[in-house]
């Protein structure tokens, strides 16, 4: 696989993981989440690393080849998703 295509893969995987986490964070009547908390934390951490690496590779590629609108947008979304997963993981962590 060409590593320059990784941001596209990271974005699609990140969006899928965000959908899973948003569905799993819903609480039941007894106060527990739909998906166990540790699983939600692991999924959030994995998605954070994947999207952060996608953003890093995208930024390196933009610096090397210049800004192309689609590639820049994909890289920006990877960075935003990475920040979102970081904040979500911190919010999920029990006090």
PDB file of N, CA and C in Angstrom:
ATOM      1  N   UNK A   1       0.843  -1.179   0.000  1.00  0.00           N
ATOM      2  CA  UNK A   1       0.000   0.000   0.000  1.00  0.00           C
ATOM      3  C   UNK A   1       0.886   1.239   0.000  1.00  0.00           C
ATOM      4  N   UNK A   2       0.504   2.201  -0.766  1.00  0.00           N
ATOM      5  CA  UNK A   2       1.204   3.475  -0.806  1.00  0.00           C
ATOM      6  C   UNK A   2       0.843   4.264   0.455  1.00  0.00           C
ATOM      7  N   UNK A   3       1.846   4.683   1.220  1.00  0.00           N
ATOM      8  CA  UNK A   3       1.556   5.356   2.482  1.00  0.00           C
ATOM      9  C   UNK A   3       0.890   6.709   2.283  1.00  0.00           C
ATOM     10  N   UNK A   4       0.958   7.270   1.079  1.00  0.00           N
ATOM     11  CA  UNK A   4       0.296   8.540   0.808  1.00  0.00           C
ATOM     12  C   UNK A   4      -1.221   8.402   0.793  1.00  0.00           C
ATOM     13  N   UNK A   5      -1.728   7.193   0.642  1.00  0.00           N
ATOM     14  CA  UNK A   5      -3.171   6.947   0.672  1.00  0.00           C
ATOM     15  C   UNK A   5      -3.689   6.681   2.076  1.00  0.00           C
ATOM     16  N   UNK A   6      -2.795   6.607   3.063  1.00  0.00           N
ATOM     17  CA  UNK A   6      -3.213   6.272   4.424  1.00  0.00           C
ATOM     18  C   UNK A   6      -4.209   7.269   5.018  1.00  0.00           C
ATOM     19  N   UNK A   7      -4.092   8.581   4.785  1.00  0.00           N
ATOM     20  CA  UNK A   7      -5.097   9.492   5.347  1.00  0.00           C
ATOM     21  C   UNK A   7      -6.525   9.175   4.898  1.00  0.00           C
ATOM     22  N   UNK A   8      -6.703   8.706   3.674  1.00  0.00           N
ATOM     23  CA  UNK A   8      -8.035   8.329   3.213  1.00  0.00           C
ATOM     24  C   UNK A   8      -8.560   7.133   4.010  1.00  0.00           C
ATOM     25  N   UNK A   9      -7.710   6.151   4.223  1.00  0.00           N
ATOM     26  CA  UNK A   9      -8.076   4.981   5.017  1.00  0.00           C
ATOM     27  C   UNK A   9      -8.322   5.369   6.471  1.00  0.00           C
ATOM     28  N   UNK A  10      -7.481   6.241   7.009  1.00  0.00           N
ATOM     29  CA  UNK A  10      -7.624   6.672   8.402  1.00  0.00           C
ATOM     30  C   UNK A  10      -8.921   7.428   8.608  1.00  0.00           C
ATOM     31  N   UNK A  11      -9.283   8.279   7.659  1.00  0.00           N
ATOM     32  CA  UNK A  11     -10.530   9.032   7.790  1.00  0.00           C
ATOM     33  C   UNK A  11     -11.737   8.110   7.765  1.00  0.00           C
ATOM     34  N   UNK A  12     -11.764   7.176   6.840  1.00  0.00           N
ATOM     35  CA  UNK A  12     -12.919   6.270   6.758  1.00  0.00           C
ATOM     36  C   UNK A  12     -12.997   5.371   7.983  1.00  0.00           C
ATOM     37  N   UNK A  13     -11.868   4.881   8.457  1.00  0.00           N
ATOM     38  CA  UNK A  13     -11.859   4.062   9.661  1.00  0.00           C
ATOM     39  C   UNK A  13     -12.239   4.897  10.888  1.00  0.00           C
ATOM     40  N   UNK A  14     -11.748   6.128  10.948  1.00  0.00           N
ATOM     41  CA  UNK A  14     -12.076   7.008  12.059  1.00  0.00           C
ATOM     42  C   UNK A  14     -13.562   7.343  12.120  1.00  0.00           C
ATOM     43  N   UNK A  15     -14.161   7.596  10.963  1.00  0.00           N
ATOM     44  CA  UNK A  15     -15.598   7.880  10.943  1.00  0.00           C
ATOM     45  C   UNK A  15     -16.414   6.670  11.377  1.00  0.00           C
ATOM     46  N   UNK A  16     -15.991   5.482  10.949  1.00  0.00           N
ATOM     47  CA  UNK A  16     -16.671   4.258  11.368  1.00  0.00           C
ATOM     48  C   UNK A  16     -16.542   4.057  12.878  1.00  0.00           C
ATOM     49  N   UNK A  17     -15.341   4.283  13.405  1.00  0.00           N
ATOM     50  CA  UNK A  17     -15.128   4.133  14.853  1.00  0.00           C
ATOM     51  C   UNK A  17     -15.916   5.176  15.644  1.00  0.00           C
ATOM     52  N   UNK A  18     -16.028   6.389  15.110  1.00  0.00           N
ATOM     53  CA  UNK A  18     -16.806   7.419  15.792  1.00  0.00           C
ATOM     54  C   UNK A  18     -18.277   7.013  15.853  1.00  0.00           C
ATOM     55  N   UNK A  19     -18.774   6.401  14.779  1.00  0.00           N
ATOM     56  CA  UNK A  19     -20.149   5.919  14.770  1.00  0.00           C
ATOM     57  C   UNK A  19     -20.344   4.832  15.824  1.00  0.00           C
ATOM     58  N   UNK A  20     -19.389   3.915  15.932  1.00  0.00           N
ATOM     59  CA  UNK A  20     -19.464   2.835  16.922  1.00  0.00           C
ATOM     60  C   UNK A  20     -19.445   3.410  18.339  1.00  0.00           C
ATOM     61  N   UNK A  21     -18.547   4.358  18.596  1.00  0.00           N
ATOM     62  CA  UNK A  21     -18.439   4.940  19.933  1.00  0.00           C
ATOM     63  C   UNK A  21     -19.687   5.744  20.280  1.00  0.00           C
ATOM     64  N   UNK A  22     -20.202   6.515  19.329  1.00  0.00           N
ATOM     65  CA  UNK A  22     -21.410   7.305  19.610  1.00  0.00           C
ATOM     66  C   UNK A  22     -22.617   6.400  19.879  1.00  0.00           C
ATOM     67  N   UNK A  23     -22.690   5.286  19.183  1.00  0.00           N
ATOM     68  CA  UNK A  23     -23.783   4.333  19.435  1.00  0.00           C
ATOM     69  C   UNK A  23     -23.563   3.617  20.765  1.00  0.00           C
ATOM     70  N   UNK A  24     -22.325   3.291  21.081  1.00  0.00           N
ATOM     71  CA  UNK A  24     -22.028   2.541  22.296  1.00  0.00           C
ATOM     72  C   UNK A  24     -22.055   3.363  23.562  1.00  0.00           C
ATOM     73  N   UNK A  25     -21.974   4.671  23.456  1.00  0.00           N
ATOM     74  CA  UNK A  25     -21.935   5.526  24.641  1.00  0.00           C
ATOM     75  C   UNK A  25     -23.339   5.765  25.216  1.00  0.00           C
ATOM     76  N   UNK A  26     -24.354   5.403  24.468  1.00  0.00           N
ATOM     77  CA  UNK A  26     -25.727   5.585  24.949  1.00  0.00           C
ATOM     78  C   UNK A  26     -25.951   4.745  26.199  1.00  0.00           C
ATOM     79  N   UNK A  27     -26.637   5.315  27.162  1.00  0.00           N
ATOM     80  CA  UNK A  27     -26.839   4.622  28.435  1.00  0.00           C
ATOM     81  C   UNK A  27     -28.174   3.886  28.451  1.00  0.00           C
ATOM     82  N   UNK A  28     -28.160   2.804  29.194  1.00  0.00           N
ATOM     83  CA  UNK A  28     -29.376   2.011  29.390  1.00  0.00           C
ATOM     84  C   UNK A  28     -30.135   2.558  30.597  1.00  0.00           C
ATOM     85  N   UNK A  29     -31.223   1.900  30.935  1.00  0.00           N
ATOM     86  CA  UNK A  29     -32.034   2.331  32.074  1.00  0.00           C
ATOM     87  C   UNK A  29     -31.281   2.182  33.394  1.00  0.00           C
ATOM     88  N   UNK A  30     -30.392   1.193  33.496  1.00  0.00           N
ATOM     89  CA  UNK A  30     -29.649   0.976  34.738  1.00  0.00           C
ATOM     90  C   UNK A  30     -28.402   1.857  34.840  1.00  0.00           C
ATOM     91  N   UNK A  31     -28.144   2.702  33.838  1.00  0.00           N
ATOM     92  CA  UNK A  31     -27.012   3.618  33.883  1.00  0.00           C
ATOM     93  C   UNK A  31     -25.748   3.110  33.215  1.00  0.00           C
ATOM     94  N   UNK A  32     -25.742   1.873  32.754  1.00  0.00           N
ATOM     95  CA  UNK A  32     -24.560   1.337  32.068  1.00  0.00           C
ATOM     96  C   UNK A  32     -24.616   1.708  30.583  1.00  0.00           C
ATOM     97  N   UNK A  33     -23.458   1.697  29.951  1.00  0.00           N
ATOM     98  CA  UNK A  33     -23.403   2.018  28.519  1.00  0.00           C
ATOM     99  C   UNK A  33     -23.734   0.779  27.692  1.00  0.00           C
ATOM    100  N   UNK A  34     -24.110   1.015  26.447  1.00  0.00           N
ATOM    101  CA  UNK A  34     -24.465  -0.084  25.552  1.00  0.00           C
ATOM    102  C   UNK A  34     -23.274  -0.998  25.305  1.00  0.00           C
ATOM    103  N   UNK A  35     -22.106  -0.413  25.084  1.00  0.00           N
ATOM    104  CA  UNK A  35     -20.857  -1.153  24.939  1.00  0.00           C
ATOM    105  C   UNK A  35     -20.063  -0.946  26.227  1.00  0.00           C
ATOM    106  N   UNK A  36     -19.393  -1.970  26.750  1.00  0.00           N
ATOM    107  CA  UNK A  36     -18.633  -1.794  27.995  1.00  0.00           C
ATOM    108  C   UNK A  36     -17.641  -0.631  27.911  1.00  0.00           C
ATOM    109  N   UNK A  37     -17.446   0.035  29.039  1.00  0.00           N
ATOM    110  CA  UNK A  37     -16.627   1.238  29.086  1.00  0.00           C
ATOM    111  C   UNK A  37     -15.193   0.993  28.624  1.00  0.00           C
ATOM    112  N   UNK A  38     -14.597  -0.121  29.036  1.00  0.00           N
ATOM    113  CA  UNK A  38     -13.221  -0.406  28.634  1.00  0.00           C
ATOM    114  C   UNK A  38     -13.119  -0.582  27.120  1.00  0.00           C
ATOM    115  N   UNK A  39     -14.111  -1.193  26.524  1.00  0.00           N
ATOM    116  CA  UNK A  39     -14.130  -1.352  25.075  1.00  0.00           C
ATOM    117  C   UNK A  39     -14.228   0.003  24.389  1.00  0.00           C
ATOM    118  N   UNK A  40     -15.063   0.883  24.912  1.00  0.00           N
ATOM    119  CA  UNK A  40     -15.179   2.227  24.351  1.00  0.00           C
ATOM    120  C   UNK A  40     -13.857   2.983  24.447  1.00  0.00           C
ATOM    121  N   UNK A  41     -13.165   2.833  25.562  1.00  0.00           N
ATOM    122  CA  UNK A  41     -11.879   3.499  25.735  1.00  0.00           C
ATOM    123  C   UNK A  41     -10.833   2.958  24.766  1.00  0.00           C
ATOM    124  N   UNK A  42     -10.801   1.654  24.579  1.00  0.00           N
ATOM    125  CA  UNK A  42      -9.834   1.035  23.659  1.00  0.00           C
ATOM    126  C   UNK A  42     -10.124   1.459  22.220  1.00  0.00           C
ATOM    127  N   UNK A  43     -11.395   1.473  21.836  1.00  0.00           N
ATOM    128  CA  UNK A  43     -11.764   1.889  20.481  1.00  0.00           C
ATOM    129  C   UNK A  43     -11.393   3.352  20.266  1.00  0.00           C
ATOM    130  N   UNK A  44     -11.655   4.192  21.254  1.00  0.00           N
ATOM    131  CA  UNK A  44     -11.304   5.608  21.145  1.00  0.00           C
ATOM    132  C   UNK A  44      -9.799   5.800  21.034  1.00  0.00           C
ATOM    133  N   UNK A  45      -9.037   5.052  21.817  1.00  0.00           N
ATOM    134  CA  UNK A  45      -7.581   5.175  21.770  1.00  0.00           C
ATOM    135  C   UNK A  45      -7.029   4.700  20.427  1.00  0.00           C
ATOM    136  N   UNK A  46      -7.520   3.580  19.940  1.00  0.00           N
ATOM    137  CA  UNK A  46      -7.075   3.064  18.653  1.00  0.00           C
ATOM    138  C   UNK A  46      -7.389   4.054  17.540  1.00  0.00           C
ATOM    139  N   UNK A  47      -8.613   4.572  17.541  1.00  0.00           N
ATOM    140  CA  UNK A  47      -9.019   5.524  16.507  1.00  0.00           C
ATOM    141  C   UNK A  47      -8.228   6.818  16.617  1.00  0.00           C
ATOM    142  N   UNK A  48      -7.886   7.234  17.835  1.00  0.00           N
ATOM    143  CA  UNK A  48      -7.052   8.425  18.008  1.00  0.00           C
ATOM    144  C   UNK A  48      -5.710   8.235  17.320  1.00  0.00           C
ATOM    145  N   UNK A  49      -5.055   7.113  17.570  1.00  0.00           N
ATOM    146  CA  UNK A  49      -3.746   6.869  16.978  1.00  0.00           C
ATOM    147  C   UNK A  49      -3.821   6.749  15.454  1.00  0.00           C
ATOM    148  N   UNK A  50      -4.830   6.071  14.946  1.00  0.00           N
ATOM    149  CA  UNK A  50      -4.954   5.906  13.494  1.00  0.00           C
ATOM    150  C   UNK A  50      -5.173   7.258  12.817  1.00  0.00           C
ATOM    151  N   UNK A  51      -6.065   8.073  13.353  1.00  0.00           N
ATOM    152  CA  UNK A  51      -6.338   9.368  12.729  1.00  0.00           C
ATOM    153  C   UNK A  51      -5.188  10.350  12.935  1.00  0.00           C
ATOM    154  N   UNK A  52      -4.488  10.249  14.069  1.00  0.00           N
ATOM    155  CA  UNK A  52      -3.321  11.119  14.283  1.00  0.00           C
ATOM    156  C   UNK A  52      -2.215  10.778  13.294  1.00  0.00           C
ATOM    157  N   UNK A  53      -1.997   9.496  13.047  1.00  0.00           N
ATOM    158  CA  UNK A  53      -0.990   9.083  12.065  1.00  0.00           C
ATOM    159  C   UNK A  53      -1.425   9.516  10.660  1.00  0.00           C
ATOM    160  N   UNK A  54      -2.713   9.398  10.375  1.00  0.00           N
ATOM    161  CA  UNK A  54      -3.223   9.874   9.086  1.00  0.00           C
ATOM    162  C   UNK A  54      -3.002  11.368   8.904  1.00  0.00           C
ATOM    163  N   UNK A  55      -3.223  12.143   9.961  1.00  0.00           N
ATOM    164  CA  UNK A  55      -2.970  13.575   9.897  1.00  0.00           C
ATOM    165  C   UNK A  55      -1.499  13.888   9.720  1.00  0.00           C
ATOM    166  N   UNK A  56      -0.647  13.155  10.409  1.00  0.00           N
ATOM    167  CA  UNK A  56       0.806  13.359  10.299  1.00  0.00           C
ATOM    168  C   UNK A  56       1.300  13.068   8.885  1.00  0.00           C
ATOM    169  N   UNK A  57       0.882  11.939   8.341  1.00  0.00           N
ATOM    170  CA  UNK A  57       1.301  11.581   6.987  1.00  0.00           C
ATOM    171  C   UNK A  57       0.749  12.591   5.982  1.00  0.00           C
ATOM    172  N   UNK A  58      -0.480  13.033   6.207  1.00  0.00           N
ATOM    173  CA  UNK A  58      -1.066  14.032   5.318  1.00  0.00           C
ATOM    174  C   UNK A  58      -0.311  15.350   5.347  1.00  0.00           C
ATOM    175  N   UNK A  59       0.077  15.796   6.533  1.00  0.00           N
ATOM    176  CA  UNK A  59       0.830  17.047   6.651  1.00  0.00           C
ATOM    177  C   UNK A  59       2.194  16.916   5.978  1.00  0.00           C
ATOM    178  N   UNK A  60       2.850  15.774   6.172  1.00  0.00           N
ATOM    179  CA  UNK A  60       4.137  15.547   5.497  1.00  0.00           C
ATOM    180  C   UNK A  60       3.976  15.587   3.977  1.00  0.00           C
ATOM    181  N   UNK A  61       2.916  14.977   3.494  1.00  0.00           N
ATOM    182  CA  UNK A  61       2.676  14.943   2.051  1.00  0.00           C
ATOM    183  C   UNK A  61       2.337  16.334   1.517  1.00  0.00           C
ATOM    184  N   UNK A  62       1.577  17.110   2.259  1.00  0.00           N
ATOM    185  CA  UNK A  62       1.245  18.476   1.832  1.00  0.00           C
ATOM    186  C   UNK A  62       2.504  19.330   1.777  1.00  0.00           C
ATOM    187  N   UNK A  63       3.369  19.185   2.763  1.00  0.00           N
ATOM    188  CA  UNK A  63       4.629  19.942   2.753  1.00  0.00           C
ATOM    189  C   UNK A  63       5.518  19.556   1.580  1.00  0.00           C
ATOM    190  N   UNK A  64       5.497  18.287   1.202  1.00  0.00           N
ATOM    191  CA  UNK A  64       6.363  17.812   0.126  1.00  0.00           C
ATOM    192  C   UNK A  64       5.825  18.190  -1.258  1.00  0.00           C
ATOM    193  N   UNK A  65       4.517  18.083  -1.445  1.00  0.00           N
ATOM    194  CA  UNK A  65       3.939  18.247  -2.785  1.00  0.00           C
ATOM    195  C   UNK A  65       3.063  19.478  -2.948  1.00  0.00           C
ATOM    196  N   UNK A  66       2.864  20.242  -1.910  1.00  0.00           N
ATOM    197  CA  UNK A  66       1.983  21.401  -1.999  1.00  0.00           C
ATOM    198  C   UNK A  66       0.548  21.036  -1.650  1.00  0.00           C
ATOM    199  N   UNK A  67      -0.263  22.060  -1.505  1.00  0.00           N
ATOM    200  CA  UNK A  67      -1.652  21.860  -1.083  1.00  0.00           C
ATOM    201  C   UNK A  67      -2.536  21.501  -2.264  1.00  0.00           C
ATOM    202  N   UNK A  68      -3.196  20.371  -2.138  1.00  0.00           N
ATOM    203  CA  UNK A  68      -4.230  19.960  -3.082  1.00  0.00           C
ATOM    204  C   UNK A  68      -5.525  19.940  -2.280  1.00  0.00           C
ATOM    205  N   UNK A  69      -6.617  20.493  -2.804  1.00  0.00           N
ATOM    206  CA  UNK A  69      -7.834  20.687  -1.996  1.00  0.00           C
ATOM    207  C   UNK A  69      -8.370  19.415  -1.334  1.00  0.00           C
ATOM    208  N   UNK A  70      -8.479  18.325  -2.074  1.00  0.00           N
ATOM    209  CA  UNK A  70      -9.035  17.101  -1.508  1.00  0.00           C
ATOM    210  C   UNK A  70      -8.120  16.527  -0.431  1.00  0.00           C
ATOM    211  N   UNK A  71      -6.841  16.465  -0.724  1.00  0.00           N
ATOM    212  CA  UNK A  71      -5.887  15.893   0.231  1.00  0.00           C
ATOM    213  C   UNK A  71      -5.798  16.752   1.492  1.00  0.00           C
ATOM    214  N   UNK A  72      -5.882  18.074   1.325  1.00  0.00           N
ATOM    215  CA  UNK A  72      -5.854  18.984   2.470  1.00  0.00           C
ATOM    216  C   UNK A  72      -7.097  18.796   3.330  1.00  0.00           C
ATOM    217  N   UNK A  73      -8.249  18.650   2.705  1.00  0.00           N
ATOM    218  CA  UNK A  73      -9.492  18.445   3.455  1.00  0.00           C
ATOM    219  C   UNK A  73      -9.454  17.124   4.220  1.00  0.00           C
ATOM    220  N   UNK A  74      -8.989  16.071   3.580  1.00  0.00           N
ATOM    221  CA  UNK A  74      -8.892  14.769   4.239  1.00  0.00           C
ATOM    222  C   UNK A  74      -7.954  14.856   5.437  1.00  0.00           C
ATOM    223  N   UNK A  75      -6.817  15.525   5.263  1.00  0.00           N
ATOM    224  CA  UNK A  75      -5.850  15.678   6.352  1.00  0.00           C
ATOM    225  C   UNK A  75      -6.442  16.480   7.495  1.00  0.00           C
ATOM    226  N   UNK A  76      -7.158  17.552   7.172  1.00  0.00           N
ATOM    227  CA  UNK A  76      -7.787  18.375   8.198  1.00  0.00           C
ATOM    228  C   UNK A  76      -8.829  17.575   8.978  1.00  0.00           C
ATOM    229  N   UNK A  77      -9.625  16.786   8.274  1.00  0.00           N
ATOM    230  CA  UNK A  77     -10.621  15.959   8.958  1.00  0.00           C
ATOM    231  C   UNK A  77      -9.959  14.898   9.840  1.00  0.00           C
ATOM    232  N   UNK A  78      -8.833  14.350   9.405  1.00  0.00           N
ATOM    233  CA  UNK A  78      -8.098  13.387  10.239  1.00  0.00           C
ATOM    234  C   UNK A  78      -7.626  14.052  11.529  1.00  0.00           C
ATOM    235  N   UNK A  79      -7.083  15.252  11.412  1.00  0.00           N
ATOM    236  CA  UNK A  79      -6.608  15.967  12.597  1.00  0.00           C
ATOM    237  C   UNK A  79      -7.783  16.290  13.532  1.00  0.00           C
ATOM    238  N   UNK A  80      -8.894  16.746  12.971  1.00  0.00           N
ATOM    239  CA  UNK A  80     -10.062  17.063  13.796  1.00  0.00           C
ATOM    240  C   UNK A  80     -10.635  15.816  14.472  1.00  0.00           C
ATOM    241  N   UNK A  81     -10.687  14.718  13.749  1.00  0.00           N
ATOM    242  CA  UNK A  81     -11.157  13.466  14.345  1.00  0.00           C
ATOM    243  C   UNK A  81     -10.212  12.998  15.445  1.00  0.00           C
ATOM    244  N   UNK A  82      -8.936  13.171  15.235  1.00  0.00           N
ATOM    245  CA  UNK A  82      -7.960  12.795  16.249  1.00  0.00           C
ATOM    246  C   UNK A  82      -8.186  13.584  17.536  1.00  0.00           C
ATOM    247  N   UNK A  83      -8.378  14.884  17.406  1.00  0.00           N
ATOM    248  CA  UNK A  83      -8.662  15.717  18.582  1.00  0.00           C
ATOM    249  C   UNK A  83      -9.977  15.299  19.219  1.00  0.00           C
ATOM    250  N   UNK A  84     -10.969  14.995  18.390  1.00  0.00           N
ATOM    251  CA  UNK A  84     -12.262  14.550  18.911  1.00  0.00           C
ATOM    252  C   UNK A  84     -12.153  13.253  19.703  1.00  0.00           C
ATOM    253  N   UNK A  85     -11.397  12.291  19.197  1.00  0.00           N
ATOM    254  CA  UNK A  85     -11.218  11.033  19.914  1.00  0.00           C
ATOM    255  C   UNK A  85     -10.433  11.229  21.207  1.00  0.00           C
ATOM    256  N   UNK A  86      -9.469  12.142  21.196  1.00  0.00           N
ATOM    257  CA  UNK A  86      -8.722  12.441  22.410  1.00  0.00           C
ATOM    258  C   UNK A  86      -9.652  13.001  23.481  1.00  0.00           C
ATOM    259  N   UNK A  87     -10.460  13.978  23.116  1.00  0.00           N
ATOM    260  CA  UNK A  87     -11.381  14.582  24.083  1.00  0.00           C
ATOM    261  C   UNK A  87     -12.461  13.599  24.529  1.00  0.00           C
ATOM    262  N   UNK A  88     -12.920  12.772  23.611  1.00  0.00           N
ATOM    263  CA  UNK A  88     -13.929  11.770  23.952  1.00  0.00           C
ATOM    264  C   UNK A  88     -13.375  10.730  24.911  1.00  0.00           C
ATOM    265  N   UNK A  89     -12.144  10.306  24.682  1.00  0.00           N
ATOM    266  CA  UNK A  89     -11.512   9.340  25.585  1.00  0.00           C
ATOM    267  C   UNK A  89     -11.326   9.919  26.982  1.00  0.00           C
ATOM    268  N   UNK A  90     -10.958  11.189  27.057  1.00  0.00           N
ATOM    269  CA  UNK A  90     -10.815  11.833  28.363  1.00  0.00           C
ATOM    270  C   UNK A  90     -12.170  11.954  29.047  1.00  0.00           C
ATOM    271  N   UNK A  91     -13.210  12.283  28.276  1.00  0.00           N
ATOM    272  CA  UNK A  91     -14.552  12.410  28.848  1.00  0.00           C
ATOM    273  C   UNK A  91     -15.112  11.066  29.316  1.00  0.00           C
ATOM    274  N   UNK A  92     -14.733   9.990  28.641  1.00  0.00           N
ATOM    275  CA  UNK A  92     -15.223   8.670  29.029  1.00  0.00           C
ATOM    276  C   UNK A  92     -14.555   8.142  30.290  1.00  0.00           C
ATOM    277  N   UNK A  93     -13.349   8.608  30.559  1.00  0.00           N
ATOM    278  CA  UNK A  93     -12.602   8.090  31.691  1.00  0.00           C
ATOM    279  C   UNK A  93     -13.341   8.386  32.992  1.00  0.00           C
ATOM    280  N   UNK A  94     -13.594   7.359  33.823  1.00  0.00           N
ATOM    281  CA  UNK A  94     -14.359   7.597  35.051  1.00  0.00           C
ATOM    282  C   UNK A  94     -13.550   8.431  36.057  1.00  0.00           C
ATOM    283  N   UNK A  95     -14.265   9.240  36.806  1.00  0.00           N
ATOM    284  CA  UNK A  95     -13.612  10.093  37.827  1.00  0.00           C
ATOM    285  C   UNK A  95     -13.243   9.312  39.056  1.00  0.00           C
TER     286      UNK A  95
END
